[in-house]
Amino acid sequence: MKSIIIASDLSIHDWFKKKKLQRETEYTREKLDIPGNLWVKCYKCAQTLYSKELEANLKVCPKCGYHFKLTSAERIKQLTNGSPFQEIAANLTSKDFLGFTDTKPYAKRIDESIMKTSHKDAIVVGLTRIGEHDVALGAMDFAFMGGSVGSVVGEKIARLIEAAVEKKLPVIIFSSSGGMRMQESIMSLMQMAKSSAALGRLRENGLPYIAVCTDPTTGGTTASFAMLGDINISEPGALICFAGPRVIEQTIKQKLPPGFQRSEFLLAHGMLDIVVERKKLKETLINLLNFFKN
């Protein structure tokens, strides 16, 4: 009986720990000190927003248009309107190749991120429908170690593209990432070539790839699959870059122009094809899929 009670106590402790980690999302600094998290403070305009009103507006600030980050589950739900989502490689988890430790062991970081997001890694991929179109869809989740790309993310993207080639489907990937995952060193960097090669095979088979960059998309993610679309799209105000503006300013010792490396700046300089508000994103994707189908 004593051992059963101990086991029960441990499971209860794990449950509370998981709930605590799930609350520590990208909105932690935005939430006000009000019970129940009924109100959220906008990053951009500092206005206090009613949480349910914000969610009804697709997590876009109704005051200034700031686009809050979405989890992969929220992104998929907004695009598919309840269509079945057949997830691919759902149980793949990252391996601590190097026994890497910074302020805490990499293996512990993985476990905490899994508990916080309820996902095994920083991207969810699968087959679904957007409008009347069957698609292969991937959505990154910045809450999982800053959306960093490790061996599992690269493998999931490769498997998504393999499924798309087999079933003759277009591919759409939503990027939200801080870049390659340093805890996996060269194994992480190899995913740039792996994902790019997989997209090359998609192109050889005459299948379209739509890349959607959300805030932020940086580092090796930008230098690989996030900017290799037949059509490159972004949400307004998204930071899209390889090296961040602060690093560049410190390197060149010069002040950067306003809006540098934001989606509107990249659109004006030919790096993006279109910047689309979230409320119009699904409609835009359907129009593009219609174009490619015809």
C-alpha atoms as a PDB file:
ATOM      1  CA  MET A   1       0.000   0.000   0.000  1.00  0.00           C
ATOM      2  CA  LYS A   2       2.839   2.371   0.884  1.00  0.00           C
ATOM      3  CA  SER A   3       4.491   1.944  -2.538  1.00  0.00           C
ATOM      4  CA  ILE A   4       1.174   2.649  -4.262  1.00  0.00           C
ATOM      5  CA  ILE A   5       0.754   5.891  -2.312  1.00  0.00           C
ATOM      6  CA  ILE A   6       4.285   6.990  -3.189  1.00  0.00           C
ATOM      7  CA  ALA A   7       3.697   6.269  -6.884  1.00  0.00           C
ATOM      8  CA  SER A   8       0.455   8.212  -6.753  1.00  0.00           C
ATOM      9  CA  ASP A   9       2.178  11.181  -5.079  1.00  0.00           C
ATOM     10  CA  LEU A  10       4.859  11.189  -7.772  1.00  0.00           C
ATOM     11  CA  SER A  11       2.310  11.170 -10.593  1.00  0.00           C
ATOM     12  CA  ILE A  12       0.421  14.053  -8.968  1.00  0.00           C
ATOM     13  CA  HIS A  13       3.688  15.988  -8.648  1.00  0.00           C
ATOM     14  CA  ASP A  14       4.445  15.358 -12.343  1.00  0.00           C
ATOM     15  CA  TRP A  15       0.945  16.497 -13.306  1.00  0.00           C
ATOM     16  CA  PHE A  16       1.326  19.824 -11.469  1.00  0.00           C
ATOM     17  CA  LYS A  17       4.807  20.255 -12.933  1.00  0.00           C
ATOM     18  CA  LYS A  18       3.435  19.717 -16.446  1.00  0.00           C
ATOM     19  CA  LYS A  19       0.642  22.238 -15.898  1.00  0.00           C
ATOM     20  CA  LYS A  20       3.156  24.800 -14.639  1.00  0.00           C
ATOM     21  CA  LEU A  21       5.402  24.323 -17.670  1.00  0.00           C
ATOM     22  CA  GLN A  22       2.468  24.534 -20.073  1.00  0.00           C
ATOM     23  CA  ARG A  23       1.603  27.933 -18.616  1.00  0.00           C
ATOM     24  CA  GLU A  24       5.147  29.173 -19.252  1.00  0.00           C
ATOM     25  CA  THR A  25       4.573  29.891 -22.940  1.00  0.00           C
ATOM     26  CA  GLU A  26       5.675  32.829 -25.074  1.00  0.00           C
ATOM     27  CA  TYR A  27       2.989  34.951 -23.412  1.00  0.00           C
ATOM     28  CA  THR A  28       4.528  34.838 -19.921  1.00  0.00           C
ATOM     29  CA  ARG A  29       5.833  38.413 -20.063  1.00  0.00           C
ATOM     30  CA  GLU A  30       2.640  39.670 -21.691  1.00  0.00           C
ATOM     31  CA  LYS A  31       0.235  38.456 -19.018  1.00  0.00           C
ATOM     32  CA  LEU A  32      -0.905  40.842 -16.332  1.00  0.00           C
ATOM     33  CA  ASP A  33      -0.949  39.986 -12.647  1.00  0.00           C
ATOM     34  CA  ILE A  34      -4.686  39.202 -12.650  1.00  0.00           C
ATOM     35  CA  PRO A  35      -6.079  35.822 -11.506  1.00  0.00           C
ATOM     36  CA  GLY A  36      -7.133  33.531 -14.315  1.00  0.00           C
ATOM     37  CA  ASN A  37      -5.063  35.318 -16.990  1.00  0.00           C
ATOM     38  CA  LEU A  38      -8.190  37.047 -18.288  1.00  0.00           C
ATOM     39  CA  TRP A  39      -6.201  39.926 -19.731  1.00  0.00           C
ATOM     40  CA  VAL A  40      -3.104  40.115 -21.923  1.00  0.00           C
ATOM     41  CA  LYS A  41      -0.818  43.065 -22.561  1.00  0.00           C
ATOM     42  CA  CYS A  42       0.137  43.692 -26.191  1.00  0.00           C
ATOM     43  CA  TYR A  43       3.882  43.682 -26.858  1.00  0.00           C
ATOM     44  CA  LYS A  44       3.653  46.483 -29.437  1.00  0.00           C
ATOM     45  CA  CYS A  45       1.094  49.021 -28.197  1.00  0.00           C
ATOM     46  CA  ALA A  46       0.991  47.992 -24.503  1.00  0.00           C
ATOM     47  CA  GLN A  47      -2.819  47.972 -24.568  1.00  0.00           C
ATOM     48  CA  THR A  48      -4.621  45.636 -22.198  1.00  0.00           C
ATOM     49  CA  LEU A  49      -6.627  43.068 -24.163  1.00  0.00           C
ATOM     50  CA  TYR A  50      -9.347  40.690 -23.060  1.00  0.00           C
ATOM     51  CA  SER A  51      -7.981  37.178 -23.689  1.00  0.00           C
ATOM     52  CA  LYS A  52     -11.173  35.804 -25.260  1.00  0.00           C
ATOM     53  CA  GLU A  53     -11.460  38.812 -27.559  1.00  0.00           C
ATOM     54  CA  LEU A  54      -7.849  38.302 -28.621  1.00  0.00           C
ATOM     55  CA  GLU A  55      -8.420  34.615 -29.365  1.00  0.00           C
ATOM     56  CA  ALA A  56     -11.573  35.430 -31.351  1.00  0.00           C
ATOM     57  CA  ASN A  57      -9.451  37.800 -33.437  1.00  0.00           C
ATOM     58  CA  LEU A  58      -6.988  34.957 -34.274  1.00  0.00           C
ATOM     59  CA  LYS A  59      -4.541  36.312 -31.661  1.00  0.00           C
ATOM     60  CA  VAL A  60      -4.042  39.582 -33.532  1.00  0.00           C
ATOM     61  CA  CYS A  61      -4.186  42.759 -31.443  1.00  0.00           C
ATOM     62  CA  PRO A  62      -7.380  44.641 -32.436  1.00  0.00           C
ATOM     63  CA  LYS A  63      -5.727  47.934 -31.427  1.00  0.00           C
ATOM     64  CA  CYS A  64      -2.475  47.889 -33.425  1.00  0.00           C
ATOM     65  CA  GLY A  65      -2.534  44.691 -35.511  1.00  0.00           C
ATOM     66  CA  TYR A  66       0.359  43.009 -33.689  1.00  0.00           C
ATOM     67  CA  HIS A  67       0.426  39.271 -34.489  1.00  0.00           C
ATOM     68  CA  PHE A  68       0.962  37.182 -31.362  1.00  0.00           C
ATOM     69  CA  LYS A  69       2.781  33.868 -31.708  1.00  0.00           C
ATOM     70  CA  LEU A  70       0.639  30.784 -32.272  1.00  0.00           C
ATOM     71  CA  THR A  71       1.299  27.246 -31.121  1.00  0.00           C
ATOM     72  CA  SER A  72       1.415  24.611 -33.852  1.00  0.00           C
ATOM     73  CA  ALA A  73      -1.973  23.292 -32.672  1.00  0.00           C
ATOM     74  CA  GLU A  74      -3.536  26.760 -32.916  1.00  0.00           C
ATOM     75  CA  ARG A  75      -2.060  27.267 -36.381  1.00  0.00           C
ATOM     76  CA  ILE A  76      -3.381  23.960 -37.681  1.00  0.00           C
ATOM     77  CA  LYS A  77      -6.813  24.583 -36.187  1.00  0.00           C
ATOM     78  CA  GLN A  78      -7.091  28.020 -37.816  1.00  0.00           C
ATOM     79  CA  LEU A  79      -6.171  26.677 -41.249  1.00  0.00           C
ATOM     80  CA  THR A  80      -8.093  23.409 -41.355  1.00  0.00           C
ATOM     81  CA  ASN A  81     -11.389  24.297 -39.646  1.00  0.00           C
ATOM     82  CA  GLY A  82     -11.631  20.891 -38.046  1.00  0.00           C
ATOM     83  CA  SER A  83     -10.529  18.804 -41.043  1.00  0.00           C
ATOM     84  CA  PRO A  84      -8.779  15.569 -39.978  1.00  0.00           C
ATOM     85  CA  PHE A  85      -5.046  15.955 -39.421  1.00  0.00           C
ATOM     86  CA  GLN A  86      -3.035  12.790 -40.035  1.00  0.00           C
ATOM     87  CA  GLU A  87       0.167  13.450 -38.115  1.00  0.00           C
ATOM     88  CA  ILE A  88       3.433  12.016 -39.435  1.00  0.00           C
ATOM     89  CA  ALA A  89       6.287  10.785 -37.207  1.00  0.00           C
ATOM     90  CA  ALA A  90       4.515  11.998 -34.073  1.00  0.00           C
ATOM     91  CA  ASN A  91       6.669   9.961 -31.665  1.00  0.00           C
ATOM     92  CA  LEU A  92      10.141  10.987 -32.856  1.00  0.00           C
ATOM     93  CA  THR A  93      12.173  12.559 -30.052  1.00  0.00           C
ATOM     94  CA  SER A  94      15.594  14.186 -30.046  1.00  0.00           C
ATOM     95  CA  LYS A  95      18.632  12.332 -28.756  1.00  0.00           C
ATOM     96  CA  ASP A  96      21.354  13.901 -26.633  1.00  0.00           C
ATOM     97  CA  PHE A  97      24.224  12.890 -28.946  1.00  0.00           C
ATOM     98  CA  LEU A  98      26.860  14.874 -27.073  1.00  0.00           C
ATOM     99  CA  GLY A  99      25.739  14.625 -23.460  1.00  0.00           C
ATOM    100  CA  PHE A 100      25.456  18.413 -23.775  1.00  0.00           C
ATOM    101  CA  THR A 101      25.040  20.592 -20.690  1.00  0.00           C
ATOM    102  CA  ASP A 102      24.861  24.386 -20.441  1.00  0.00           C
ATOM    103  CA  THR A 103      22.851  25.758 -17.504  1.00  0.00           C
ATOM    104  CA  LYS A 104      21.041  22.411 -17.498  1.00  0.00           C
ATOM    105  CA  PRO A 105      21.399  19.092 -19.368  1.00  0.00           C
ATOM    106  CA  TYR A 106      20.006  18.988 -22.902  1.00  0.00           C
ATOM    107  CA  ALA A 107      18.024  15.853 -22.049  1.00  0.00           C
ATOM    108  CA  LYS A 108      16.282  17.784 -19.274  1.00  0.00           C
ATOM    109  CA  ARG A 109      15.498  20.666 -21.647  1.00  0.00           C
ATOM    110  CA  ILE A 110      13.860  18.216 -24.042  1.00  0.00           C
ATOM    111  CA  ASP A 111      11.745  16.668 -21.276  1.00  0.00           C
ATOM    112  CA  GLU A 112      10.632  20.081 -20.018  1.00  0.00           C
ATOM    113  CA  SER A 113       9.732  21.257 -23.526  1.00  0.00           C
ATOM    114  CA  ILE A 114       7.699  18.106 -24.130  1.00  0.00           C
ATOM    115  CA  MET A 115       5.785  18.671 -20.889  1.00  0.00           C
ATOM    116  CA  LYS A 116       5.263  22.367 -21.678  1.00  0.00           C
ATOM    117  CA  THR A 117       4.013  21.989 -25.266  1.00  0.00           C
ATOM    118  CA  SER A 118       2.661  18.398 -25.304  1.00  0.00           C
ATOM    119  CA  HIS A 119       4.684  17.896 -28.508  1.00  0.00           C
ATOM    120  CA  LYS A 120       7.783  15.747 -28.968  1.00  0.00           C
ATOM    121  CA  ASP A 121       9.716  18.452 -30.834  1.00  0.00           C
ATOM    122  CA  ALA A 122       9.551  21.905 -32.407  1.00  0.00           C
ATOM    123  CA  ILE A 123       7.460  21.009 -35.465  1.00  0.00           C
ATOM    124  CA  VAL A 124       4.234  19.129 -36.127  1.00  0.00           C
ATOM    125  CA  VAL A 125       3.791  17.702 -39.630  1.00  0.00           C
ATOM    126  CA  GLY A 126       0.973  15.816 -41.276  1.00  0.00           C
ATOM    127  CA  LEU A 127      -1.596  15.473 -44.055  1.00  0.00           C
ATOM    128  CA  THR A 128      -4.801  17.500 -43.974  1.00  0.00           C
ATOM    129  CA  ARG A 129      -7.125  19.698 -46.026  1.00  0.00           C
ATOM    130  CA  ILE A 130      -7.197  23.465 -46.477  1.00  0.00           C
ATOM    131  CA  GLY A 131     -10.415  24.438 -48.181  1.00  0.00           C
ATOM    132  CA  GLU A 132     -10.914  21.846 -50.913  1.00  0.00           C
ATOM    133  CA  HIS A 133      -7.233  21.004 -51.222  1.00  0.00           C
ATOM    134  CA  ASP A 134      -5.345  18.061 -49.735  1.00  0.00           C
ATOM    135  CA  VAL A 135      -1.985  19.315 -48.491  1.00  0.00           C
ATOM    136  CA  ALA A 136       1.120  18.258 -46.582  1.00  0.00           C
ATOM    137  CA  LEU A 137       1.352  20.759 -43.738  1.00  0.00           C
ATOM    138  CA  GLY A 138       4.067  21.562 -41.214  1.00  0.00           C
ATOM    139  CA  ALA A 139       3.801  24.065 -38.348  1.00  0.00           C
ATOM    140  CA  MET A 140       6.680  25.011 -36.054  1.00  0.00           C
ATOM    141  CA  ASP A 141       6.148  25.836 -32.379  1.00  0.00           C
ATOM    142  CA  PHE A 142       8.415  28.526 -30.918  1.00  0.00           C
ATOM    143  CA  ALA A 143       7.509  27.426 -27.390  1.00  0.00           C
ATOM    144  CA  PHE A 144       9.591  24.249 -27.895  1.00  0.00           C
ATOM    145  CA  MET A 145      13.169  25.434 -27.269  1.00  0.00           C
ATOM    146  CA  GLY A 146      12.662  28.570 -29.337  1.00  0.00           C
ATOM    147  CA  GLY A 147      11.581  26.560 -32.370  1.00  0.00           C
ATOM    148  CA  SER A 148      15.168  25.426 -32.813  1.00  0.00           C
ATOM    149  CA  VAL A 149      15.916  22.915 -35.566  1.00  0.00           C
ATOM    150  CA  GLY A 150      17.515  19.672 -34.459  1.00  0.00           C
ATOM    151  CA  SER A 151      17.721  16.237 -36.036  1.00  0.00           C
ATOM    152  CA  VAL A 152      14.050  15.462 -35.359  1.00  0.00           C
ATOM    153  CA  VAL A 153      12.782  18.635 -37.046  1.00  0.00           C
ATOM    154  CA  GLY A 154      14.872  17.887 -40.128  1.00  0.00           C
ATOM    155  CA  GLU A 155      13.693  14.285 -40.207  1.00  0.00           C
ATOM    156  CA  LYS A 156      10.045  15.287 -39.848  1.00  0.00           C
ATOM    157  CA  ILE A 157      10.322  17.771 -42.710  1.00  0.00           C
ATOM    158  CA  ALA A 158      11.974  15.112 -44.880  1.00  0.00           C
ATOM    159  CA  ARG A 159       9.228  12.584 -44.082  1.00  0.00           C
ATOM    160  CA  LEU A 160       6.529  15.177 -44.771  1.00  0.00           C
ATOM    161  CA  ILE A 161       8.012  15.853 -48.201  1.00  0.00           C
ATOM    162  CA  GLU A 162       8.365  12.113 -48.919  1.00  0.00           C
ATOM    163  CA  ALA A 163       4.655  11.677 -48.133  1.00  0.00           C
ATOM    164  CA  ALA A 164       3.820  14.653 -50.357  1.00  0.00           C
ATOM    165  CA  VAL A 165       5.789  13.173 -53.267  1.00  0.00           C
ATOM    166  CA  GLU A 166       4.117   9.792 -52.805  1.00  0.00           C
ATOM    167  CA  LYS A 167       0.611  11.281 -52.714  1.00  0.00           C
ATOM    168  CA  LYS A 168       1.287  14.152 -55.178  1.00  0.00           C
ATOM    169  CA  LEU A 169       0.452  16.906 -52.678  1.00  0.00           C
ATOM    170  CA  PRO A 170       1.629  20.503 -52.278  1.00  0.00           C
ATOM    171  CA  VAL A 171       3.675  21.292 -49.174  1.00  0.00           C
ATOM    172  CA  ILE A 172       3.122  24.234 -46.812  1.00  0.00           C
ATOM    173  CA  ILE A 173       5.477  24.875 -43.888  1.00  0.00           C
ATOM    174  CA  PHE A 174       5.010  27.597 -41.255  1.00  0.00           C
ATOM    175  CA  SER A 175       8.347  28.607 -39.753  1.00  0.00           C
ATOM    176  CA  SER A 176       8.842  30.100 -36.296  1.00  0.00           C
ATOM    177  CA  SER A 177      12.374  29.479 -35.189  1.00  0.00           C
ATOM    178  CA  GLY A 178      15.500  30.829 -33.555  1.00  0.00           C
ATOM    179  CA  GLY A 179      17.657  28.747 -35.912  1.00  0.00           C
ATOM    180  CA  MET A 180      19.684  25.589 -35.532  1.00  0.00           C
ATOM    181  CA  ARG A 181      19.793  23.834 -32.139  1.00  0.00           C
ATOM    182  CA  MET A 182      23.253  24.359 -30.662  1.00  0.00           C
ATOM    183  CA  GLN A 183      22.899  21.405 -28.287  1.00  0.00           C
ATOM    184  CA  GLU A 184      23.144  19.050 -31.287  1.00  0.00           C
ATOM    185  CA  SER A 185      26.085  20.806 -32.964  1.00  0.00           C
ATOM    186  CA  ILE A 186      26.871  19.426 -36.442  1.00  0.00           C
ATOM    187  CA  MET A 187      23.850  17.083 -36.360  1.00  0.00           C
ATOM    188  CA  SER A 188      21.669  20.186 -36.262  1.00  0.00           C
ATOM    189  CA  LEU A 189      23.537  21.984 -39.055  1.00  0.00           C
ATOM    190  CA  MET A 190      23.156  18.922 -41.291  1.00  0.00           C
ATOM    191  CA  GLN A 191      19.383  19.482 -41.275  1.00  0.00           C
ATOM    192  CA  MET A 192      19.849  22.553 -43.481  1.00  0.00           C
ATOM    193  CA  ALA A 193      21.187  20.383 -46.288  1.00  0.00           C
ATOM    194  CA  LYS A 194      18.749  17.568 -45.545  1.00  0.00           C
ATOM    195  CA  SER A 195      15.629  19.726 -45.736  1.00  0.00           C
ATOM    196  CA  SER A 196      16.915  21.605 -48.794  1.00  0.00           C
ATOM    197  CA  ALA A 197      17.657  18.338 -50.612  1.00  0.00           C
ATOM    198  CA  ALA A 198      14.185  17.024 -49.788  1.00  0.00           C
ATOM    199  CA  LEU A 199      12.646  20.199 -51.229  1.00  0.00           C
ATOM    200  CA  GLY A 200      14.764  19.694 -54.333  1.00  0.00           C
ATOM    201  CA  ARG A 201      13.116  16.313 -54.796  1.00  0.00           C
ATOM    202  CA  LEU A 202       9.704  17.951 -54.385  1.00  0.00           C
ATOM    203  CA  ARG A 203      10.561  20.401 -57.164  1.00  0.00           C
ATOM    204  CA  GLU A 204      11.781  17.575 -59.425  1.00  0.00           C
ATOM    205  CA  ASN A 205       8.343  16.019 -59.088  1.00  0.00           C
ATOM    206  CA  GLY A 206       6.637  19.274 -60.082  1.00  0.00           C
ATOM    207  CA  LEU A 207       4.942  19.805 -56.728  1.00  0.00           C
ATOM    208  CA  PRO A 208       4.587  23.286 -55.188  1.00  0.00           C
ATOM    209  CA  TYR A 209       6.065  24.423 -51.897  1.00  0.00           C
ATOM    210  CA  ILE A 210       4.654  27.435 -50.046  1.00  0.00           C
ATOM    211  CA  ALA A 211       6.898  28.758 -47.270  1.00  0.00           C
ATOM    212  CA  VAL A 212       5.273  30.947 -44.607  1.00  0.00           C
ATOM    213  CA  CYS A 213       7.607  32.855 -42.282  1.00  0.00           C
ATOM    214  CA  THR A 214       6.154  33.967 -38.946  1.00  0.00           C
ATOM    215  CA  ASP A 215       7.728  35.945 -36.128  1.00  0.00           C
ATOM    216  CA  PRO A 216      10.558  35.155 -35.629  1.00  0.00           C
ATOM    217  CA  THR A 217      12.245  33.155 -38.396  1.00  0.00           C
ATOM    218  CA  THR A 218      16.004  33.413 -37.995  1.00  0.00           C
ATOM    219  CA  GLY A 219      19.370  31.691 -38.329  1.00  0.00           C
ATOM    220  CA  GLY A 220      19.810  28.457 -40.255  1.00  0.00           C
ATOM    221  CA  THR A 221      16.044  28.042 -40.584  1.00  0.00           C
ATOM    222  CA  THR A 222      15.947  31.179 -42.742  1.00  0.00           C
ATOM    223  CA  ALA A 223      19.057  29.974 -44.591  1.00  0.00           C
ATOM    224  CA  SER A 224      17.328  26.722 -45.593  1.00  0.00           C
ATOM    225  CA  PHE A 225      13.718  25.565 -45.903  1.00  0.00           C
ATOM    226  CA  ALA A 226      12.038  28.765 -44.634  1.00  0.00           C
ATOM    227  CA  MET A 227      13.029  30.783 -47.713  1.00  0.00           C
ATOM    228  CA  LEU A 228      13.032  28.128 -50.446  1.00  0.00           C
ATOM    229  CA  GLY A 229       9.353  28.321 -51.331  1.00  0.00           C
ATOM    230  CA  ASP A 230       7.967  28.636 -54.823  1.00  0.00           C
ATOM    231  CA  ILE A 231       5.995  31.326 -53.005  1.00  0.00           C
ATOM    232  CA  ASN A 232       7.452  32.980 -49.894  1.00  0.00           C
ATOM    233  CA  ILE A 233       4.853  34.501 -47.581  1.00  0.00           C
ATOM    234  CA  SER A 234       5.062  36.245 -44.228  1.00  0.00           C
ATOM    235  CA  GLU A 235       2.785  37.672 -41.585  1.00  0.00           C
ATOM    236  CA  PRO A 236       3.103  41.445 -40.923  1.00  0.00           C
ATOM    237  CA  GLY A 237       5.953  42.642 -38.735  1.00  0.00           C
ATOM    238  CA  ALA A 238       7.728  39.291 -38.569  1.00  0.00           C
ATOM    239  CA  LEU A 239      11.461  39.284 -37.878  1.00  0.00           C
ATOM    240  CA  ILE A 240      13.108  37.312 -40.704  1.00  0.00           C
ATOM    241  CA  CYS A 241      16.892  37.162 -40.851  1.00  0.00           C
ATOM    242  CA  PHE A 242      20.035  35.088 -40.524  1.00  0.00           C
ATOM    243  CA  ALA A 243      21.922  37.219 -37.989  1.00  0.00           C
ATOM    244  CA  GLY A 244      19.761  39.483 -35.836  1.00  0.00           C
ATOM    245  CA  PRO A 245      19.834  43.289 -36.057  1.00  0.00           C
ATOM    246  CA  ARG A 246      21.639  43.714 -32.729  1.00  0.00           C
ATOM    247  CA  VAL A 247      24.485  41.441 -33.876  1.00  0.00           C
ATOM    248  CA  ILE A 248      24.772  43.307 -37.177  1.00  0.00           C
ATOM    249  CA  GLU A 249      24.804  46.725 -35.487  1.00  0.00           C
ATOM    250  CA  GLN A 250      27.547  45.595 -33.102  1.00  0.00           C
ATOM    251  CA  THR A 251      29.564  44.212 -36.019  1.00  0.00           C
ATOM    252  CA  ILE A 252      29.348  47.110 -38.489  1.00  0.00           C
ATOM    253  CA  LYS A 253      29.111  49.841 -35.796  1.00  0.00           C
ATOM    254  CA  GLN A 254      26.258  51.538 -37.648  1.00  0.00           C
ATOM    255  CA  LYS A 255      22.604  52.232 -36.940  1.00  0.00           C
ATOM    256  CA  LEU A 256      20.307  50.100 -39.081  1.00  0.00           C
ATOM    257  CA  PRO A 257      17.360  51.607 -41.010  1.00  0.00           C
ATOM    258  CA  PRO A 258      13.879  51.506 -39.414  1.00  0.00           C
ATOM    259  CA  GLY A 259      12.078  48.186 -39.848  1.00  0.00           C
ATOM    260  CA  PHE A 260      15.276  46.436 -40.952  1.00  0.00           C
ATOM    261  CA  GLN A 261      14.754  42.655 -41.320  1.00  0.00           C
ATOM    262  CA  ARG A 262      11.018  42.902 -40.737  1.00  0.00           C
ATOM    263  CA  SER A 263       8.712  41.302 -43.289  1.00  0.00           C
ATOM    264  CA  GLU A 264       7.743  44.602 -44.957  1.00  0.00           C
ATOM    265  CA  PHE A 265      11.446  45.465 -45.444  1.00  0.00           C
ATOM    266  CA  LEU A 266      12.101  42.054 -47.010  1.00  0.00           C
ATOM    267  CA  LEU A 267       9.079  42.420 -49.294  1.00  0.00           C
ATOM    268  CA  ALA A 268      10.344  45.795 -50.521  1.00  0.00           C
ATOM    269  CA  HIS A 269      13.768  44.264 -51.246  1.00  0.00           C
ATOM    270  CA  GLY A 270      12.519  41.203 -53.132  1.00  0.00           C
ATOM    271  CA  MET A 271      13.034  38.528 -50.477  1.00  0.00           C
ATOM    272  CA  LEU A 272       9.307  37.850 -50.018  1.00  0.00           C
ATOM    273  CA  ASP A 273       6.461  37.548 -52.500  1.00  0.00           C
ATOM    274  CA  ILE A 274       3.643  38.714 -50.251  1.00  0.00           C
ATOM    275  CA  VAL A 275       2.894  39.843 -46.685  1.00  0.00           C
ATOM    276  CA  VAL A 276      -0.528  38.677 -45.515  1.00  0.00           C
ATOM    277  CA  GLU A 277      -2.545  39.476 -42.400  1.00  0.00           C
ATOM    278  CA  ARG A 278      -3.523  36.398 -40.426  1.00  0.00           C
ATOM    279  CA  LYS A 279      -7.257  36.828 -41.074  1.00  0.00           C
ATOM    280  CA  LYS A 280      -6.584  36.674 -44.836  1.00  0.00           C
ATOM    281  CA  LEU A 281      -3.925  33.960 -44.731  1.00  0.00           C
ATOM    282  CA  LYS A 282      -6.175  30.946 -45.232  1.00  0.00           C
ATOM    283  CA  GLU A 283      -7.956  32.597 -48.162  1.00  0.00           C
ATOM    284  CA  THR A 284      -4.588  33.508 -49.711  1.00  0.00           C
ATOM    285  CA  LEU A 285      -3.313  29.934 -49.371  1.00  0.00           C
ATOM    286  CA  ILE A 286      -6.477  28.564 -51.015  1.00  0.00           C
ATOM    287  CA  ASN A 287      -6.079  31.015 -53.919  1.00  0.00           C
ATOM    288  CA  LEU A 288      -2.450  29.966 -54.385  1.00  0.00           C
ATOM    289  CA  LEU A 289      -3.368  26.275 -54.245  1.00  0.00           C
ATOM    290  CA  ASN A 290      -6.058  26.923 -56.868  1.00  0.00           C
ATOM    291  CA  PHE A 291      -3.438  28.620 -59.050  1.00  0.00           C
ATOM    292  CA  PHE A 292      -0.980  25.738 -58.771  1.00  0.00           C
ATOM    293  CA  LYS A 293      -3.719  23.158 -59.383  1.00  0.00           C
ATOM    294  CA  ASN A 294      -4.851  24.902 -62.554  1.00  0.00           C
END
